[in-house]
Amino acid sequence: MFQNEEKNRVKKKLIRITTVPVSLEKLLENQLGYMKQYYDVTAISSDKVSLERVGRLQGVPVYTVEMTRKITPLQDVKAVWQLFSFFRREKPFIVHTHTPKAGTVGMIAAKFAGVPHRLHTIAGLPLLEATGKKRKLLNMVEKMTYAAATKIYPNSHGLKEIIIQEQFCKPEKLAVIGNGSSNGINTSYFNPLLFSEEDKTILKDKLGIHPSDFVFVFVGRLVGDKGINELVTAFQKIERGNDVKLVLVGSREDDLDPLQKETLLQIQSNPNILAVGHQTDVRPYLAISDVLVFPSYREGFPNVVMQAGAMELPSIVTDINGCNEIIIEGQNGLIIPVKDSNAVYESMRKMIDDTSLRISLQKKARPMIVSRYEQEVVWKALLEEYQKLENNV
């Protein structure tokens, strides 16, 4: 079906749900505005004030349902009932959820409400790090979510294989959209040419980074699950005899996944580790850096690795799904084992010592992102998936 024809038809209702509004804002940035050309889009999340701001930014109506990333059975039942009532009233053609809690309550409510197309995107599996009774509980919840959905979209091929291995659902219910990624990347926005040498010098001076310093950067939550303990341990070794800085862009989550005490002490006291907190715009920090280090334990399809590549940064990533699809060993970065601080150290040292390798990786970094993950390519692939559902009705 041609897109112009689609625009002229009566728009069917599409509801997109995330647990917290920042996921709508960041993980699906500008996507809702694109989809509203073809569908009557409503966004659902928690935190009324933040959600309404996101709705204004993306130009779509919103509906607030309180959800939390923690295990909260009573609140979850209330959320299911609230969503069920909303779906029965609105009668959407598609309900499409992202993030674990929104997926569970959204898919169950949509199934009970008789929504014909119930889609859930998987961007990671936190349960893979759980053990014992907690793992059994999370497995059960995951299977419930998948059973209530009509289609499951892992946002990487590696994640799809894990889901099949764990037997969460039948393979025919799974599909990867495009080359992976939930939203692709705006490579016009993440462009190193937007930052002058003067811009970079000003920020480096502000942070106390010397012109001779080699700068590693990490962007993401400062939690154990992201490999921060291993990264800081490796950096303590690499800084001996090297002019290096480590820039940490992101906030801690001490209640959910606290860092080791020694790691926290280093971050707070080491003058070569620059923790700048959460930043609305991460591009300036990527622009002043030489290499992204992203030693995460698990990911779906990490935006930051695509963002760094678009900013012409080679990356050091762990051999996990998503990361090992964006990064191709020896072409636009290095791939190392998970939870291995020595491997982090060796790869960091290689980036410092082997200048010709680093320059080669850097030259390929941006073209490899632009060709595979430009944002509109991902949006059009998802739109085609939605349109297939209409054609099958």
Protein backbone atom coordinates (compact mmCIF):
# COMPACT_ATOMS: atom_id res chain seq x y z
CA MET A 1 0.00 0.00 0.00
CA PHE A 2 1.36 3.40 -0.94
CA GLN A 3 1.91 5.80 1.95
CA ASN A 4 -0.06 8.65 0.31
CA GLU A 5 -3.09 6.37 -0.03
CA GLU A 6 -2.69 5.42 3.62
CA LYS A 7 -2.81 9.08 4.70
CA ASN A 8 -6.15 9.59 2.92
CA ARG A 9 -7.86 6.73 4.74
CA VAL A 10 -9.69 7.01 8.06
CA LYS A 11 -6.94 6.61 10.61
CA LYS A 12 -7.10 3.58 12.86
CA LYS A 13 -6.23 3.96 16.54
CA LEU A 14 -2.68 3.13 17.62
CA ILE A 15 -1.74 3.18 21.30
CA ARG A 16 1.93 3.13 22.36
CA ILE A 17 2.79 2.38 26.00
CA THR A 18 5.99 2.63 28.07
CA THR A 19 6.47 2.30 31.82
CA VAL A 20 8.00 5.77 32.24
CA PRO A 21 7.71 8.84 29.95
CA VAL A 22 11.45 9.15 29.37
CA SER A 23 11.23 5.97 27.27
CA LEU A 24 8.65 7.63 25.00
CA GLU A 25 10.86 10.69 24.81
CA LYS A 26 14.25 9.05 24.28
CA LEU A 27 13.75 5.47 23.06
CA LEU A 28 10.99 6.48 20.62
CA GLU A 29 12.10 10.05 19.94
CA ASN A 30 10.10 11.64 17.07
CA GLN A 31 8.62 8.25 16.11
CA LEU A 32 5.14 9.03 17.43
CA GLY A 33 5.05 12.25 15.40
CA TYR A 34 5.90 10.24 12.28
CA MET A 35 3.28 7.57 12.97
CA LYS A 36 0.49 10.10 13.57
CA GLN A 37 0.58 10.84 9.82
CA TYR A 38 -0.91 7.38 9.34
CA TYR A 39 -2.64 6.52 12.63
CA ASP A 40 -4.62 8.14 15.42
CA VAL A 41 -1.85 7.84 18.02
CA THR A 42 -2.19 8.01 21.80
CA ALA A 43 0.76 7.66 24.21
CA ILE A 44 0.34 6.05 27.63
CA SER A 45 2.82 6.11 30.50
CA SER A 46 3.15 7.07 34.17
CA ASP A 47 4.02 10.45 35.76
CA LYS A 48 1.30 12.81 34.50
CA VAL A 49 3.42 15.98 34.39
CA SER A 50 6.34 14.42 32.48
CA LEU A 51 3.99 12.51 30.17
CA GLU A 52 2.06 15.64 29.22
CA ARG A 53 5.34 17.37 28.37
CA VAL A 54 6.32 14.45 26.11
CA GLY A 55 2.87 14.56 24.50
CA ARG A 56 3.34 18.23 23.64
CA LEU A 57 6.81 17.52 22.22
CA GLN A 58 5.60 14.69 19.99
CA GLY A 59 2.21 16.25 19.22
CA VAL A 60 0.05 13.36 20.42
CA PRO A 61 -2.64 12.99 23.11
CA VAL A 62 -1.64 11.15 26.28
CA TYR A 63 -3.26 9.09 29.03
CA THR A 64 -1.69 8.53 32.45
CA VAL A 65 -1.49 5.11 34.12
CA GLU A 66 0.77 4.80 37.15
CA MET A 67 3.39 2.08 36.61
CA THR A 68 6.75 1.32 38.18
CA ARG A 69 9.76 -0.74 37.14
CA LYS A 70 9.72 -2.49 40.55
CA ILE A 71 7.67 -5.57 41.47
CA THR A 72 4.38 -4.09 42.76
CA PRO A 73 1.51 -6.61 42.36
CA LEU A 74 -1.32 -4.45 43.74
CA GLN A 75 -0.38 -1.42 41.67
CA ASP A 76 0.03 -3.66 38.61
CA VAL A 77 -3.49 -5.06 38.97
CA LYS A 78 -4.82 -1.52 39.24
CA ALA A 79 -2.89 -0.56 36.07
CA VAL A 80 -4.34 -3.55 34.18
CA TRP A 81 -7.89 -2.55 35.14
CA GLN A 82 -7.30 1.09 34.18
CA LEU A 83 -5.87 0.10 30.80
CA PHE A 84 -8.63 -2.46 30.20
CA SER A 85 -11.27 0.22 30.78
CA PHE A 86 -9.46 2.66 28.48
CA PHE A 87 -9.11 0.09 25.69
CA ARG A 88 -12.76 -0.92 25.90
CA ARG A 89 -13.72 2.73 25.53
CA GLU A 90 -11.24 3.68 22.79
CA LYS A 91 -11.28 0.39 20.80
CA PRO A 92 -7.75 0.66 19.35
CA PHE A 93 -6.67 -1.35 16.30
CA ILE A 94 -3.12 -1.74 17.68
CA VAL A 95 -1.66 -1.60 21.18
CA HIS A 96 2.14 -1.55 21.01
CA THR A 97 4.10 -1.71 24.26
CA HIS A 98 7.74 -1.16 25.16
CA THR A 99 9.65 -1.87 28.41
CA PRO A 100 8.90 -4.88 30.67
CA LYS A 101 6.22 -3.60 33.07
CA ALA A 102 4.29 -1.71 30.38
CA GLY A 103 4.46 -4.86 28.27
CA THR A 104 2.99 -7.09 30.96
CA VAL A 105 0.12 -4.87 32.10
CA GLY A 106 -0.49 -3.53 28.58
CA MET A 107 -0.64 -6.89 26.81
CA ILE A 108 -2.83 -8.53 29.47
CA ALA A 109 -5.26 -5.59 29.49
CA ALA A 110 -5.35 -5.46 25.68
CA LYS A 111 -6.08 -9.19 25.43
CA PHE A 112 -8.97 -8.99 27.92
CA ALA A 113 -10.30 -5.90 26.11
CA GLY A 114 -10.32 -7.71 22.77
CA VAL A 115 -7.75 -5.50 21.01
CA PRO A 116 -7.06 -7.30 17.70
CA HIS A 117 -3.34 -6.52 17.39
CA ARG A 118 -1.23 -6.65 20.55
CA LEU A 119 2.44 -5.93 19.84
CA HIS A 120 5.31 -5.89 22.32
CA THR A 121 8.88 -4.81 21.60
CA ILE A 122 11.66 -6.44 23.62
CA ALA A 123 14.70 -4.21 24.13
CA GLY A 124 16.41 -6.35 26.74
CA LEU A 125 15.82 -9.16 29.23
CA PRO A 126 16.68 -8.06 32.80
CA LEU A 127 15.56 -11.46 34.06
CA LEU A 128 18.65 -13.10 32.54
CA GLU A 129 20.70 -11.75 35.47
CA ALA A 130 18.20 -13.01 38.09
CA THR A 131 18.49 -16.35 39.92
CA GLY A 132 16.42 -18.66 42.11
CA LYS A 133 12.82 -17.82 42.94
CA LYS A 134 13.06 -14.35 41.46
CA ARG A 135 14.13 -15.83 38.10
CA LYS A 136 11.21 -18.30 38.16
CA LEU A 137 8.78 -15.47 38.90
CA LEU A 138 10.19 -13.26 36.13
CA ASN A 139 10.13 -16.16 33.66
CA MET A 140 6.47 -16.73 34.45
CA VAL A 141 5.63 -13.04 33.97
CA GLU A 142 7.58 -12.96 30.69
CA LYS A 143 5.65 -15.95 29.34
CA MET A 144 2.35 -14.36 30.39
CA THR A 145 3.28 -11.19 28.49
CA TYR A 146 4.22 -13.08 25.33
CA ALA A 147 1.13 -15.27 25.52
CA ALA A 148 -1.12 -12.20 25.68
CA ALA A 149 0.61 -10.59 22.68
CA THR A 150 -0.14 -11.40 19.05
CA LYS A 151 3.38 -10.44 17.94
CA ILE A 152 6.72 -10.01 19.73
CA TYR A 153 9.43 -7.77 18.29
CA PRO A 154 12.92 -8.41 19.71
CA ASN A 155 14.99 -5.42 18.66
CA SER A 156 18.02 -7.53 17.77
CA HIS A 157 18.63 -10.93 16.18
CA GLY A 158 20.63 -12.04 19.22
CA LEU A 159 17.71 -11.27 21.49
CA LYS A 160 15.40 -13.24 19.22
CA GLU A 161 17.64 -16.30 19.57
CA ILE A 162 17.68 -15.96 23.37
CA ILE A 163 13.87 -15.82 23.46
CA ILE A 164 13.70 -18.99 21.35
CA GLN A 165 16.26 -20.75 23.59
CA GLU A 166 14.34 -19.76 26.73
CA GLN A 167 11.11 -20.99 25.08
CA PHE A 168 9.17 -17.86 26.04
CA CYS A 169 7.02 -18.22 22.93
CA LYS A 170 6.87 -19.99 19.58
CA PRO A 171 9.36 -18.72 16.96
CA GLU A 172 6.57 -17.79 14.51
CA LYS A 173 5.36 -15.10 16.93
CA LEU A 174 8.76 -13.33 16.71
CA ALA A 175 10.04 -10.79 14.18
CA VAL A 176 12.97 -8.36 14.07
CA ILE A 177 12.04 -5.05 12.41
CA GLY A 178 14.56 -3.90 9.78
CA ASN A 179 18.17 -4.32 10.92
CA GLY A 180 17.16 -4.12 14.57
CA SER A 181 16.78 -1.12 16.92
CA SER A 182 13.50 0.27 18.27
CA ASN A 183 13.96 3.71 16.78
CA GLY A 184 17.17 3.95 14.77
CA ILE A 185 19.21 7.12 15.09
CA ASN A 186 18.97 10.65 13.73
CA THR A 187 22.39 10.90 12.11
CA SER A 188 21.85 14.56 11.21
CA TYR A 189 21.54 15.32 14.93
CA PHE A 190 24.37 13.00 15.98
CA ASN A 191 26.94 14.56 13.68
CA PRO A 192 30.46 15.55 14.80
CA LEU A 193 30.52 18.43 12.30
CA LEU A 194 28.04 20.29 14.51
CA PHE A 195 30.78 20.83 17.13
CA SER A 196 33.67 23.19 16.45
CA GLU A 197 37.16 22.83 17.88
CA GLU A 198 36.38 25.88 20.01
CA ASP A 199 33.24 24.19 21.40
CA LYS A 200 35.26 21.13 22.33
CA THR A 201 38.10 23.13 23.89
CA ILE A 202 35.67 25.07 26.09
CA LEU A 203 34.08 21.87 27.44
CA LYS A 204 37.46 20.19 27.95
CA ASP A 205 38.71 23.21 29.90
CA LYS A 206 35.56 23.19 32.02
CA LEU A 207 36.08 19.50 32.88
CA GLY A 208 39.83 19.81 33.43
CA ILE A 209 40.77 17.70 30.41
CA HIS A 210 44.21 18.55 29.01
CA PRO A 211 44.90 18.65 25.24
CA SER A 212 47.23 15.64 25.60
CA ASP A 213 44.68 13.51 27.47
CA PHE A 214 43.20 10.42 25.84
CA VAL A 215 39.50 10.46 26.69
CA PHE A 216 37.34 7.38 27.24
CA VAL A 217 33.60 7.91 27.68
CA PHE A 218 30.71 5.87 29.04
CA VAL A 219 27.09 6.92 28.57
CA GLY A 220 24.28 5.21 30.49
CA ARG A 221 23.08 4.41 33.98
CA LEU A 222 25.93 4.07 36.47
CA VAL A 223 24.94 0.65 37.76
CA GLY A 224 26.56 -2.74 38.15
CA ASP A 225 24.56 -4.18 35.26
CA LYS A 226 26.25 -1.76 32.86
CA GLY A 227 29.72 -3.03 33.77
CA ILE A 228 30.75 0.10 35.67
CA ASN A 229 32.60 -1.87 38.36
CA GLU A 230 34.75 -3.56 35.71
CA LEU A 231 35.25 -0.29 33.82
CA VAL A 232 36.48 1.61 36.87
CA THR A 233 38.76 -1.29 37.87
CA ALA A 234 40.27 -1.34 34.37
CA PHE A 235 40.67 2.43 34.33
CA GLN A 236 42.63 2.39 37.59
CA LYS A 237 45.21 0.22 35.79
CA ILE A 238 45.20 2.14 32.51
CA GLU A 239 45.76 5.53 34.14
CA ARG A 240 49.14 4.42 35.49
CA GLY A 241 51.68 5.92 33.11
CA ASN A 242 49.06 7.33 30.70
CA ASP A 243 47.48 10.76 30.33
CA VAL A 244 43.87 9.57 30.34
CA LYS A 245 40.45 10.66 31.50
CA LEU A 246 37.24 8.67 31.93
CA VAL A 247 34.02 10.65 31.43
CA LEU A 248 30.93 9.02 32.95
CA VAL A 249 27.66 10.43 31.59
CA GLY A 250 24.65 9.16 33.52
CA SER A 251 23.07 8.90 36.94
CA ARG A 252 23.30 6.23 39.64
CA GLU A 253 20.42 3.98 40.72
CA ASP A 254 21.48 3.01 44.21
CA ASP A 255 18.08 1.56 45.12
CA LEU A 256 17.88 -0.81 42.12
CA ASP A 257 21.48 -1.75 41.26
CA PRO A 258 24.09 -0.12 43.53
CA LEU A 259 27.77 0.00 42.61
CA GLN A 260 30.48 -1.61 44.74
CA LYS A 261 31.83 0.61 47.52
CA GLU A 262 35.34 0.66 46.01
CA THR A 263 33.89 1.73 42.65
CA LEU A 264 31.90 4.55 44.25
CA LEU A 265 34.96 5.72 46.16
CA GLN A 266 37.02 5.85 42.96
CA ILE A 267 34.33 7.78 41.08
CA GLN A 268 34.07 10.29 43.91
CA SER A 269 37.79 10.73 44.62
CA ASN A 270 39.77 10.00 41.43
CA PRO A 271 40.52 13.31 39.62
CA ASN A 272 40.83 11.46 36.30
CA ILE A 273 37.28 10.09 36.53
CA LEU A 274 34.78 12.79 35.58
CA ALA A 275 31.20 11.91 36.56
CA VAL A 276 29.02 14.57 34.94
CA GLY A 277 25.63 13.07 35.86
CA HIS A 278 22.61 12.75 33.59
CA GLN A 279 22.82 14.99 30.52
CA THR A 280 19.90 15.88 28.27
CA ASP A 281 22.34 16.24 25.37
CA VAL A 282 25.17 13.69 25.35
CA ARG A 283 26.66 14.84 22.03
CA PRO A 284 29.19 17.35 23.46
CA TYR A 285 30.66 14.62 25.67
CA LEU A 286 30.94 12.22 22.75
CA ALA A 287 32.51 15.02 20.68
CA ILE A 288 35.39 15.52 23.15
CA SER A 289 36.07 11.79 23.55
CA ASP A 290 38.28 9.35 21.68
CA VAL A 291 36.61 6.00 22.43
CA LEU A 292 33.30 4.79 23.89
CA VAL A 293 33.62 1.99 26.46
CA PHE A 294 30.35 0.14 27.00
CA PRO A 295 30.93 -3.07 29.05
CA SER A 296 27.25 -3.82 29.72
CA TYR A 297 26.05 -7.26 30.86
CA ARG A 298 22.90 -7.21 28.73
CA GLU A 299 21.20 -4.96 26.21
CA GLY A 300 18.48 -5.05 23.64
CA PHE A 301 19.82 -2.67 21.03
CA PRO A 302 21.77 0.11 22.78
CA ASN A 303 21.19 3.59 21.38
CA VAL A 304 24.41 4.93 22.87
CA VAL A 305 26.58 2.63 20.73
CA MET A 306 24.81 3.89 17.61
CA GLN A 307 25.07 7.49 18.83
CA ALA A 308 28.80 7.17 19.49
CA GLY A 309 29.35 5.61 16.07
CA ALA A 310 27.44 8.42 14.37
CA MET A 311 29.74 10.85 16.24
CA GLU A 312 32.75 9.02 14.70
CA LEU A 313 33.76 7.20 17.87
CA PRO A 314 35.06 3.64 17.78
CA SER A 315 33.58 1.54 20.58
CA ILE A 316 34.67 -1.13 23.02
CA VAL A 317 31.62 -3.29 23.74
CA THR A 318 30.88 -6.60 25.39
CA ASP A 319 29.89 -9.65 23.36
CA ILE A 320 26.16 -9.37 24.00
CA ASN A 321 23.20 -9.14 21.66
CA GLY A 322 22.71 -5.73 20.12
CA CYS A 323 26.25 -4.59 20.81
CA ASN A 324 27.71 -7.40 18.72
CA GLU A 325 25.41 -6.47 15.84
CA ILE A 326 26.13 -2.74 15.81
CA ILE A 327 29.87 -3.30 16.29
CA ILE A 328 31.77 -5.58 13.94
CA GLU A 329 35.08 -6.65 15.45
CA GLY A 330 38.03 -4.83 13.89
CA GLN A 331 35.84 -2.64 11.65
CA ASN A 332 34.17 -0.06 13.87
CA GLY A 333 35.22 -1.27 17.31
CA LEU A 334 36.40 -4.06 19.58
CA ILE A 335 34.27 -6.79 21.18
CA ILE A 336 35.27 -8.24 24.58
CA PRO A 337 33.90 -10.85 27.02
CA VAL A 338 31.29 -9.87 29.62
CA LYS A 339 32.25 -9.21 33.28
CA ASP A 340 35.99 -9.24 32.54
CA SER A 341 37.83 -6.18 33.86
CA ASN A 342 41.14 -7.42 32.40
CA ALA A 343 39.57 -7.62 28.92
CA VAL A 344 38.28 -4.06 29.38
CA TYR A 345 41.80 -2.97 30.36
CA GLU A 346 43.51 -4.75 27.44
CA SER A 347 41.10 -3.25 24.90
CA MET A 348 41.52 0.25 26.36
CA ARG A 349 45.27 -0.13 26.22
CA LYS A 350 45.05 -1.33 22.61
CA MET A 351 43.07 1.77 21.66
CA ILE A 352 45.75 4.00 23.20
CA ASP A 353 48.77 2.12 21.85
CA ASP A 354 47.61 1.18 18.33
CA THR A 355 46.91 4.56 16.74
CA SER A 356 46.57 3.21 13.19
CA LEU A 357 43.93 0.69 14.32
CA ARG A 358 41.99 3.35 16.21
CA ILE A 359 42.00 5.72 13.22
CA SER A 360 40.83 2.90 10.95
CA LEU A 361 37.95 2.08 13.32
CA GLN A 362 37.09 5.75 13.61
CA LYS A 363 36.87 6.25 9.84
CA LYS A 364 34.36 3.43 9.47
CA ALA A 365 32.31 4.23 12.58
CA ARG A 366 29.89 6.79 11.14
CA PRO A 367 29.32 5.26 7.66
CA MET A 368 28.46 1.90 9.26
CA ILE A 369 25.75 3.54 11.38
CA VAL A 370 24.30 5.74 8.62
CA SER A 371 23.94 2.83 6.18
CA ARG A 372 22.17 0.50 8.62
CA TYR A 373 20.38 2.51 11.31
CA GLU A 374 19.28 5.89 9.95
CA GLN A 375 16.06 6.70 11.82
CA GLU A 376 13.58 6.97 8.99
CA VAL A 377 14.65 3.56 7.64
CA VAL A 378 13.58 2.01 10.98
CA TRP A 379 10.30 3.99 11.10
CA LYS A 380 9.32 2.94 7.57
CA ALA A 381 10.04 -0.71 8.38
CA LEU A 382 7.72 -0.52 11.41
CA LEU A 383 5.06 1.31 9.41
CA GLU A 384 5.14 -1.48 6.84
CA GLU A 385 4.63 -3.99 9.66
CA TYR A 386 1.57 -2.08 10.87
CA GLN A 387 0.20 -1.85 7.33
CA LYS A 388 0.53 -5.62 6.89
CA LEU A 389 -1.84 -6.00 9.85
CA GLU A 390 -4.40 -3.78 8.13
CA ASN A 391 -4.13 -5.68 4.88
CA ASN A 392 -4.70 -8.99 6.69
CA VAL A 393 -7.94 -7.85 8.31
